[in-house]
Each structure stands twice: as C-alpha cells, then as structure tokens.
Amino acid sequence: MAVITDRIREHLVEAFRASAPGVQSRLERLPVGTGVDPERLHAGVLIAARGNLSLFDDAIEHARDDWRDLLDRANLADADWPDRIDAQFGRA
C-alpha cells in the first residue's frame, strides 16, 4: 500500500470533492510495481481521470493491467515526468 503525497491528495480533494475519501482509498490500495514511483502512478491515474469517477475507475483498471501504458496515456512516460507532475500538481 502506497501512501499518497500531499499534493496528490490536495488535487484529488479538489477534483472529486465528496468522493475524495473513496478515491484516496482506492489510490492507496493500487498495487505499485517495482520500478515505478508511486506518486508518478497516482498522478497518472488522476490525470487520466480528469475529475470524472467513471474515468477514474477506468484509469485504476488500466494501471492494474498495464501501468506503463497508463503513464503513456497520462503523458508521464518520458524522462521529464517529474517536471510534468510539478506543472500539474505543484512542486513537492
């Protein structure tokens, strides 16, 4: 279980409002494979979800099936992913 970072939590609370506790719980329970930064995966899910619960469900399933493809879909697959996360969620 990977604990989400403060900036990811702030974003999901803003994006999902009343559903935020459930969204946070599901993100924290998402299996994180070796070789992937948990915050990167969490950010990828939230970017792909765009504040929509149906898209969030899809992104969670996508992350479980093929996290590399999810990161590509969220534009976090390249080496500049830390900068992209900073731009989207603010500096850590």
N, C-alpha and C. Protein backbone atom coordinates (compact mmCIF):
# COMPACT_ATOMS: atom_id res chain seq x y z
N MET A 1 0.84 -1.18 0.00
CA MET A 1 0.00 0.00 0.00
C MET A 1 0.88 1.24 0.00
N ALA A 2 0.68 2.09 -0.99
CA ALA A 2 1.48 3.31 -1.12
C ALA A 2 0.67 4.51 -0.65
N VAL A 3 1.19 5.22 0.32
CA VAL A 3 0.54 6.41 0.83
C VAL A 3 0.70 7.52 -0.20
N ILE A 4 -0.38 8.24 -0.46
CA ILE A 4 -0.30 9.30 -1.45
C ILE A 4 0.35 10.54 -0.85
N THR A 5 0.95 11.34 -1.71
CA THR A 5 1.63 12.56 -1.26
C THR A 5 0.59 13.66 -1.02
N ASP A 6 1.03 14.69 -0.32
CA ASP A 6 0.13 15.81 -0.01
C ASP A 6 -0.40 16.48 -1.27
N ARG A 7 0.46 16.69 -2.26
CA ARG A 7 -0.01 17.40 -3.45
C ARG A 7 -0.99 16.56 -4.27
N ILE A 8 -0.82 15.26 -4.26
CA ILE A 8 -1.79 14.38 -4.93
C ILE A 8 -3.11 14.43 -4.17
N ARG A 9 -3.04 14.37 -2.84
CA ARG A 9 -4.26 14.43 -2.01
C ARG A 9 -5.00 15.74 -2.24
N GLU A 10 -4.29 16.84 -2.27
CA GLU A 10 -4.94 18.14 -2.49
C GLU A 10 -5.65 18.18 -3.83
N HIS A 11 -5.02 17.64 -4.85
CA HIS A 11 -5.63 17.63 -6.18
C HIS A 11 -6.89 16.76 -6.20
N LEU A 12 -6.81 15.60 -5.61
CA LEU A 12 -7.97 14.70 -5.66
C LEU A 12 -9.13 15.25 -4.85
N VAL A 13 -8.86 15.93 -3.73
CA VAL A 13 -9.92 16.54 -2.95
C VAL A 13 -10.62 17.62 -3.78
N GLU A 14 -9.84 18.41 -4.48
CA GLU A 14 -10.41 19.46 -5.32
C GLU A 14 -11.19 18.86 -6.50
N ALA A 15 -10.65 17.82 -7.10
CA ALA A 15 -11.26 17.24 -8.30
C ALA A 15 -12.49 16.38 -7.99
N PHE A 16 -12.48 15.69 -6.85
CA PHE A 16 -13.54 14.72 -6.57
C PHE A 16 -14.43 15.08 -5.39
N ARG A 17 -14.12 16.16 -4.70
CA ARG A 17 -14.94 16.68 -3.60
C ARG A 17 -15.49 15.61 -2.65
N ALA A 18 -16.78 15.35 -2.68
CA ALA A 18 -17.41 14.42 -1.73
C ALA A 18 -16.92 12.99 -1.91
N SER A 19 -16.47 12.64 -3.11
CA SER A 19 -15.98 11.28 -3.38
C SER A 19 -14.50 11.12 -3.05
N ALA A 20 -13.86 12.19 -2.60
CA ALA A 20 -12.41 12.16 -2.37
C ALA A 20 -11.95 11.06 -1.42
N PRO A 21 -12.63 10.81 -0.29
CA PRO A 21 -12.13 9.74 0.60
C PRO A 21 -12.08 8.38 -0.09
N GLY A 22 -13.09 8.04 -0.87
CA GLY A 22 -13.08 6.77 -1.58
C GLY A 22 -12.02 6.72 -2.66
N VAL A 23 -11.84 7.83 -3.36
CA VAL A 23 -10.80 7.92 -4.40
C VAL A 23 -9.43 7.74 -3.76
N GLN A 24 -9.20 8.42 -2.65
CA GLN A 24 -7.92 8.29 -1.96
C GLN A 24 -7.67 6.86 -1.52
N SER A 25 -8.68 6.23 -0.96
CA SER A 25 -8.54 4.85 -0.50
C SER A 25 -8.17 3.92 -1.66
N ARG A 26 -8.84 4.09 -2.78
CA ARG A 26 -8.55 3.23 -3.93
C ARG A 26 -7.16 3.49 -4.49
N LEU A 27 -6.72 4.75 -4.49
CA LEU A 27 -5.36 5.04 -4.94
C LEU A 27 -4.33 4.40 -4.02
N GLU A 28 -4.58 4.48 -2.73
CA GLU A 28 -3.63 3.92 -1.77
C GLU A 28 -3.56 2.39 -1.86
N ARG A 29 -4.64 1.76 -2.27
CA ARG A 29 -4.66 0.30 -2.39
C ARG A 29 -4.17 -0.19 -3.75
N LEU A 30 -3.92 0.73 -4.67
CA LEU A 30 -3.45 0.35 -6.00
C LEU A 30 -2.07 -0.27 -5.90
N PRO A 31 -1.89 -1.49 -6.38
CA PRO A 31 -0.56 -2.11 -6.34
C PRO A 31 0.42 -1.31 -7.19
N VAL A 32 1.57 -1.05 -6.60
CA VAL A 32 2.62 -0.30 -7.31
C VAL A 32 3.76 -1.26 -7.58
N GLY A 33 4.01 -1.49 -8.84
CA GLY A 33 5.07 -2.42 -9.23
C GLY A 33 6.45 -1.87 -8.96
N THR A 34 7.41 -2.76 -8.97
CA THR A 34 8.79 -2.33 -8.82
C THR A 34 9.18 -1.54 -10.06
N GLY A 35 9.96 -0.53 -9.86
CA GLY A 35 10.42 0.27 -10.98
C GLY A 35 9.54 1.45 -11.32
N VAL A 36 8.47 1.65 -10.57
CA VAL A 36 7.63 2.83 -10.82
C VAL A 36 7.46 3.60 -9.52
N ASP A 37 7.59 4.90 -9.60
CA ASP A 37 7.41 5.77 -8.46
C ASP A 37 5.91 5.83 -8.13
N PRO A 38 5.53 5.58 -6.88
CA PRO A 38 4.10 5.60 -6.54
C PRO A 38 3.41 6.91 -6.88
N GLU A 39 4.07 8.03 -6.61
CA GLU A 39 3.45 9.32 -6.92
C GLU A 39 3.23 9.47 -8.43
N ARG A 40 4.15 8.97 -9.21
CA ARG A 40 4.01 9.02 -10.67
C ARG A 40 2.77 8.24 -11.11
N LEU A 41 2.58 7.06 -10.55
CA LEU A 41 1.42 6.25 -10.89
C LEU A 41 0.13 6.91 -10.43
N HIS A 42 0.12 7.42 -9.20
CA HIS A 42 -1.06 8.10 -8.68
C HIS A 42 -1.40 9.31 -9.54
N ALA A 43 -0.39 10.09 -9.90
CA ALA A 43 -0.62 11.26 -10.75
C ALA A 43 -1.17 10.83 -12.10
N GLY A 44 -0.64 9.76 -12.65
CA GLY A 44 -1.12 9.28 -13.93
C GLY A 44 -2.59 8.91 -13.89
N VAL A 45 -3.01 8.28 -12.82
CA VAL A 45 -4.42 7.91 -12.67
C VAL A 45 -5.28 9.17 -12.60
N LEU A 46 -4.87 10.15 -11.80
CA LEU A 46 -5.66 11.37 -11.66
C LEU A 46 -5.70 12.18 -12.94
N ILE A 47 -4.59 12.23 -13.66
CA ILE A 47 -4.57 12.95 -14.94
C ILE A 47 -5.53 12.28 -15.92
N ALA A 48 -5.45 10.97 -16.01
CA ALA A 48 -6.33 10.23 -16.93
C ALA A 48 -7.80 10.37 -16.52
N ALA A 49 -8.07 10.48 -15.23
CA ALA A 49 -9.45 10.55 -14.73
C ALA A 49 -10.10 11.90 -15.01
N ARG A 50 -9.32 12.96 -15.03
CA ARG A 50 -9.85 14.30 -15.30
C ARG A 50 -11.05 14.67 -14.43
N GLY A 51 -11.03 14.22 -13.17
CA GLY A 51 -12.08 14.58 -12.23
C GLY A 51 -13.39 13.84 -12.42
N ASN A 52 -13.38 12.78 -13.22
CA ASN A 52 -14.59 12.02 -13.52
C ASN A 52 -14.46 10.62 -12.90
N LEU A 53 -15.45 10.22 -12.10
CA LEU A 53 -15.37 8.92 -11.41
C LEU A 53 -15.34 7.74 -12.37
N SER A 54 -16.07 7.80 -13.46
CA SER A 54 -16.05 6.71 -14.43
C SER A 54 -14.67 6.59 -15.08
N LEU A 55 -14.08 7.74 -15.41
CA LEU A 55 -12.73 7.72 -15.97
C LEU A 55 -11.71 7.28 -14.93
N PHE A 56 -11.97 7.63 -13.66
CA PHE A 56 -11.10 7.17 -12.57
C PHE A 56 -11.11 5.65 -12.48
N ASP A 57 -12.31 5.06 -12.52
CA ASP A 57 -12.42 3.60 -12.49
C ASP A 57 -11.64 2.98 -13.64
N ASP A 58 -11.78 3.55 -14.82
CA ASP A 58 -11.07 3.07 -16.00
C ASP A 58 -9.56 3.18 -15.81
N ALA A 59 -9.12 4.32 -15.28
CA ALA A 59 -7.68 4.54 -15.08
C ALA A 59 -7.11 3.57 -14.05
N ILE A 60 -7.86 3.29 -12.99
CA ILE A 60 -7.41 2.32 -11.98
C ILE A 60 -7.22 0.95 -12.62
N GLU A 61 -8.21 0.52 -13.39
CA GLU A 61 -8.11 -0.78 -14.07
C GLU A 61 -6.94 -0.79 -15.05
N HIS A 62 -6.77 0.29 -15.76
CA HIS A 62 -5.67 0.41 -16.71
C HIS A 62 -4.33 0.31 -15.98
N ALA A 63 -4.23 0.97 -14.83
CA ALA A 63 -2.99 0.93 -14.05
C ALA A 63 -2.70 -0.49 -13.56
N ARG A 64 -3.73 -1.22 -13.20
CA ARG A 64 -3.55 -2.61 -12.75
C ARG A 64 -3.11 -3.51 -13.90
N ASP A 65 -3.71 -3.28 -15.07
CA ASP A 65 -3.42 -4.13 -16.23
C ASP A 65 -2.06 -3.81 -16.86
N ASP A 66 -1.77 -2.52 -17.02
CA ASP A 66 -0.54 -2.11 -17.71
C ASP A 66 -0.18 -0.68 -17.30
N TRP A 67 0.52 -0.54 -16.18
CA TRP A 67 0.83 0.79 -15.66
C TRP A 67 1.69 1.59 -16.62
N ARG A 68 2.51 0.95 -17.44
CA ARG A 68 3.34 1.68 -18.41
C ARG A 68 2.46 2.38 -19.44
N ASP A 69 1.44 1.68 -19.90
CA ASP A 69 0.52 2.26 -20.87
C ASP A 69 -0.26 3.42 -20.25
N LEU A 70 -0.66 3.28 -19.00
CA LEU A 70 -1.34 4.37 -18.32
C LEU A 70 -0.45 5.60 -18.25
N LEU A 71 0.82 5.41 -17.90
CA LEU A 71 1.74 6.55 -17.83
C LEU A 71 1.91 7.21 -19.19
N ASP A 72 1.91 6.41 -20.24
CA ASP A 72 1.99 6.96 -21.59
C ASP A 72 0.73 7.78 -21.88
N ARG A 73 -0.41 7.24 -21.54
CA ARG A 73 -1.69 7.92 -21.76
C ARG A 73 -1.77 9.24 -21.00
N ALA A 74 -1.15 9.29 -19.82
CA ALA A 74 -1.16 10.50 -18.99
C ALA A 74 0.00 11.44 -19.31
N ASN A 75 0.79 11.09 -20.32
CA ASN A 75 1.95 11.89 -20.73
C ASN A 75 3.02 11.96 -19.64
N LEU A 76 3.18 10.85 -18.91
CA LEU A 76 4.19 10.76 -17.86
C LEU A 76 5.20 9.64 -18.13
N ALA A 77 5.30 9.21 -19.38
CA ALA A 77 6.17 8.08 -19.72
C ALA A 77 7.61 8.49 -19.98
N ASP A 78 7.84 9.74 -20.30
CA ASP A 78 9.19 10.18 -20.66
C ASP A 78 9.98 10.64 -19.44
N ALA A 79 11.26 10.89 -19.67
CA ALA A 79 12.17 11.25 -18.57
C ALA A 79 11.80 12.56 -17.88
N ASP A 80 11.02 13.39 -18.54
CA ASP A 80 10.65 14.68 -17.94
C ASP A 80 9.40 14.59 -17.06
N TRP A 81 9.00 13.36 -16.70
CA TRP A 81 7.79 13.19 -15.90
C TRP A 81 7.79 13.98 -14.60
N PRO A 82 8.93 14.13 -13.88
CA PRO A 82 8.87 14.92 -12.64
C PRO A 82 8.45 16.37 -12.90
N ASP A 83 8.95 16.95 -14.01
CA ASP A 83 8.58 18.32 -14.35
C ASP A 83 7.09 18.41 -14.69
N ARG A 84 6.58 17.41 -15.37
CA ARG A 84 5.16 17.40 -15.75
C ARG A 84 4.27 17.28 -14.50
N ILE A 85 4.70 16.48 -13.54
CA ILE A 85 3.93 16.36 -12.29
C ILE A 85 3.99 17.68 -11.53
N ASP A 86 5.17 18.30 -11.47
CA ASP A 86 5.28 19.61 -10.82
C ASP A 86 4.36 20.63 -11.47
N ALA A 87 4.29 20.62 -12.79
CA ALA A 87 3.45 21.59 -13.51
C ALA A 87 1.96 21.34 -13.23
N GLN A 88 1.57 20.10 -13.11
CA GLN A 88 0.16 19.74 -12.92
C GLN A 88 -0.28 19.85 -11.46
N PHE A 89 0.60 19.46 -10.52
CA PHE A 89 0.21 19.33 -9.12
C PHE A 89 0.96 20.28 -8.18
N GLY A 90 1.87 21.06 -8.70
CA GLY A 90 2.68 21.95 -7.88
C GLY A 90 3.94 21.25 -7.39
N ARG A 91 4.90 22.04 -7.01
CA ARG A 91 6.16 21.46 -6.52
C ARG A 91 5.95 20.75 -5.20
N ALA A 92 6.72 19.69 -5.03
CA ALA A 92 6.63 18.90 -3.79
C ALA A 92 7.25 19.67 -2.63
